[in-house]
C-alpha atoms as a PDB file:
ATOM      1  CA  MET A   1       0.000   0.000   0.000  1.00  0.00           C
ATOM      2  CA  GLN A   2       1.438   3.348  -1.020  1.00  0.00           C
ATOM      3  CA  LEU A   3       0.488   6.964  -0.510  1.00  0.00           C
ATOM      4  CA  TYR A   4       0.626   8.747  -3.881  1.00  0.00           C
ATOM      5  CA  ARG A   5       0.710  12.529  -4.304  1.00  0.00           C
ATOM      6  CA  LEU A   6      -1.361  13.771  -7.227  1.00  0.00           C
ATOM      7  CA  GLN A   7      -0.924  17.364  -8.297  1.00  0.00           C
ATOM      8  CA  PHE A   8      -2.895  18.866 -11.155  1.00  0.00           C
ATOM      9  CA  VAL A   9      -4.180  22.162 -12.483  1.00  0.00           C
ATOM     10  CA  PRO A  10      -7.784  21.911 -13.728  1.00  0.00           C
ATOM     11  CA  SER A  11      -8.206  23.398 -17.199  1.00  0.00           C
ATOM     12  CA  ASN A  12     -11.731  24.538 -16.332  1.00  0.00           C
ATOM     13  CA  ALA A  13     -13.155  26.428 -13.381  1.00  0.00           C
ATOM     14  CA  LEU A  14     -14.727  24.152 -10.771  1.00  0.00           C
ATOM     15  CA  GLY A  15     -17.834  25.799  -9.410  1.00  0.00           C
ATOM     16  CA  LEU A  16     -20.043  24.788  -6.506  1.00  0.00           C
ATOM     17  CA  GLY A  17     -21.567  21.390  -7.195  1.00  0.00           C
ATOM     18  CA  SER A  18     -18.706  20.191  -9.378  1.00  0.00           C
ATOM     19  CA  CYS A  19     -16.920  16.897  -8.836  1.00  0.00           C
ATOM     20  CA  ILE A  20     -13.399  15.521  -9.295  1.00  0.00           C
ATOM     21  CA  VAL A  21     -13.115  11.820 -10.187  1.00  0.00           C
ATOM     22  CA  ILE A  22      -9.779  10.008  -9.805  1.00  0.00           C
ATOM     23  CA  LYS A  23      -9.574   6.721 -11.732  1.00  0.00           C
ATOM     24  CA  PRO A  24      -6.557   4.592 -10.800  1.00  0.00           C
ATOM     25  CA  PRO A  25      -5.052   2.242 -13.413  1.00  0.00           C
ATOM     26  CA  GLY A  26      -6.791  -1.131 -13.678  1.00  0.00           C
ATOM     27  CA  ASN A  27      -4.251  -3.047 -11.599  1.00  0.00           C
ATOM     28  CA  PHE A  28      -4.310  -0.537  -8.702  1.00  0.00           C
ATOM     29  CA  GLN A  29      -6.913  -0.770  -5.966  1.00  0.00           C
ATOM     30  CA  VAL A  30      -8.346   1.953  -3.768  1.00  0.00           C
ATOM     31  CA  VAL A  31      -7.753   1.016  -0.130  1.00  0.00           C
ATOM     32  CA  ALA A  32     -11.283   1.673   1.085  1.00  0.00           C
ATOM     33  CA  ASN A  33     -10.821   0.782   4.730  1.00  0.00           C
ATOM     34  CA  SER A  34      -7.572   2.639   5.339  1.00  0.00           C
ATOM     35  CA  PHE A  35      -7.186   5.572   7.690  1.00  0.00           C
ATOM     36  CA  GLN A  36      -6.970   8.844   5.772  1.00  0.00           C
ATOM     37  CA  LEU A  37      -7.781   7.443   2.360  1.00  0.00           C
ATOM     38  CA  VAL A  38      -7.331  10.903   0.829  1.00  0.00           C
ATOM     39  CA  VAL A  39      -5.430  13.840   2.284  1.00  0.00           C
ATOM     40  CA  ILE A  40      -6.188  17.161   0.631  1.00  0.00           C
ATOM     41  CA  GLU A  41      -2.957  19.136   0.761  1.00  0.00           C
ATOM     42  CA  SER A  42      -3.979  22.273  -1.125  1.00  0.00           C
ATOM     43  CA  GLY A  43      -6.401  23.758  -3.634  1.00  0.00           C
ATOM     44  CA  LEU A  44      -9.663  22.325  -2.275  1.00  0.00           C
ATOM     45  CA  TYR A  45     -11.387  23.931   0.677  1.00  0.00           C
ATOM     46  CA  ASN A  46     -14.612  23.393   2.611  1.00  0.00           C
ATOM     47  CA  GLN A  47     -17.596  25.362   1.365  1.00  0.00           C
ATOM     48  CA  GLN A  48     -18.271  26.311   4.977  1.00  0.00           C
ATOM     49  CA  GLU A  49     -16.794  25.253   8.294  1.00  0.00           C
ATOM     50  CA  ASP A  50     -19.702  22.879   8.967  1.00  0.00           C
ATOM     51  CA  ASN A  51     -19.909  21.663   5.332  1.00  0.00           C
ATOM     52  CA  PRO A  52     -16.670  19.747   4.614  1.00  0.00           C
ATOM     53  CA  VAL A  53     -15.237  18.410   1.368  1.00  0.00           C
ATOM     54  CA  LEU A  54     -16.608  14.917   0.678  1.00  0.00           C
ATOM     55  CA  VAL A  55     -14.576  11.930  -0.529  1.00  0.00           C
ATOM     56  CA  THR A  56     -16.453   8.819  -1.652  1.00  0.00           C
ATOM     57  CA  ILE A  57     -15.553   5.574  -3.413  1.00  0.00           C
ATOM     58  CA  ALA A  58     -17.697   4.229  -6.235  1.00  0.00           C
ATOM     59  CA  GLY A  59     -16.681   1.400  -8.540  1.00  0.00           C
ATOM     60  CA  GLY A  60     -12.993   1.655  -7.638  1.00  0.00           C
ATOM     61  CA  GLU A  61     -12.940   5.396  -8.353  1.00  0.00           C
ATOM     62  CA  LEU A  62     -12.507   8.240  -5.879  1.00  0.00           C
ATOM     63  CA  GLN A  63     -14.979  11.085  -6.071  1.00  0.00           C
ATOM     64  CA  ILE A  64     -14.207  14.409  -4.403  1.00  0.00           C
ATOM     65  CA  SER A  65     -17.062  16.887  -4.100  1.00  0.00           C
ATOM     66  CA  ASN A  66     -18.630  19.560  -1.930  1.00  0.00           C
ATOM     67  CA  TYR A  67     -15.663  21.948  -2.096  1.00  0.00           C
ATOM     68  CA  ALA A  68     -15.578  25.706  -2.544  1.00  0.00           C
ATOM     69  CA  ALA A  69     -15.191  27.040  -6.101  1.00  0.00           C
ATOM     70  CA  VAL A  70     -11.748  26.556  -7.691  1.00  0.00           C
ATOM     71  CA  ARG A  71     -10.421  29.081 -10.224  1.00  0.00           C
ATOM     72  CA  VAL A  72      -8.769  28.106 -13.506  1.00  0.00           C
ATOM     73  CA  GLY A  73      -5.015  27.760 -13.010  1.00  0.00           C
ATOM     74  CA  SER A  74      -5.218  26.801  -9.328  1.00  0.00           C
ATOM     75  CA  LEU A  75      -2.992  23.918  -8.249  1.00  0.00           C
ATOM     76  CA  VAL A  76      -4.803  21.047  -6.541  1.00  0.00           C
ATOM     77  CA  SER A  77      -2.701  18.616  -4.511  1.00  0.00           C
ATOM     78  CA  VAL A  78      -4.049  15.453  -2.891  1.00  0.00           C
ATOM     79  CA  ARG A  79      -2.508  12.296  -1.452  1.00  0.00           C
ATOM     80  CA  VAL A  80      -4.290   9.049  -2.244  1.00  0.00           C
ATOM     81  CA  ARG A  81      -3.730   5.620  -0.690  1.00  0.00           C
ATOM     82  CA  LEU A  82      -3.596   2.922  -3.389  1.00  0.00           C
ATOM     83  CA  LEU A  83      -2.579  -0.717  -3.441  1.00  0.00           C
ATOM     84  CA  ASN A  84      -0.620  -2.184  -6.335  1.00  0.00           C
ATOM     85  CA  PRO A  85      -0.859  -5.960  -5.829  1.00  0.00           C
ATOM     86  CA  PRO A  86       2.564  -7.643  -5.713  1.00  0.00           C
ATOM     87  CA  SER A  87       1.531 -10.061  -8.450  1.00  0.00           C
ATOM     88  CA  THR A  88       1.453  -7.208 -10.979  1.00  0.00           C
ATOM     89  CA  TYR A  89       4.635  -5.761 -12.376  1.00  0.00           C
ATOM     90  CA  GLY A  90       5.779  -3.762 -15.366  1.00  0.00           C
ATOM     91  CA  PRO A  91       4.282  -0.677 -16.971  1.00  0.00           C
ATOM     92  CA  THR A  92       0.868   0.618 -15.916  1.00  0.00           C
ATOM     93  CA  SER A  93      -1.603   2.887 -17.602  1.00  0.00           C
ATOM     94  CA  ALA A  94      -1.980   6.467 -16.389  1.00  0.00           C
ATOM     95  CA  ILE A  95      -4.186   7.670 -13.558  1.00  0.00           C
ATOM     96  CA  SER A  96      -7.154   9.588 -14.958  1.00  0.00           C
ATOM     97  CA  ILE A  97      -8.386  12.757 -13.263  1.00  0.00           C
ATOM     98  CA  LEU A  98     -11.730  14.026 -14.538  1.00  0.00           C
ATOM     99  CA  THR A  99     -13.731  17.096 -13.532  1.00  0.00           C
ATOM    100  CA  TYR A 100     -17.483  17.555 -13.896  1.00  0.00           C
END
């Protein structure tokens, strides 16, 4: 199990109600029961103090939502806990980061 840092700059503004979806490569697994599955380092902030950023898992993908608006050109940095089974080796496909 490894903690991976993902840094990206969204090419579109992320308004209220938008969502970020992180799709790991097929051979990687999201560690659903781990402590601190996702650590938001910078770029995503709570909408309000009592309305925190939400991180959910659906179909092996991470979904991050309920954050304050993010301007174009803002750096987003998150750490994600993923498992690359020891039986897999060699090149992997890229991690996909989508915004809606």
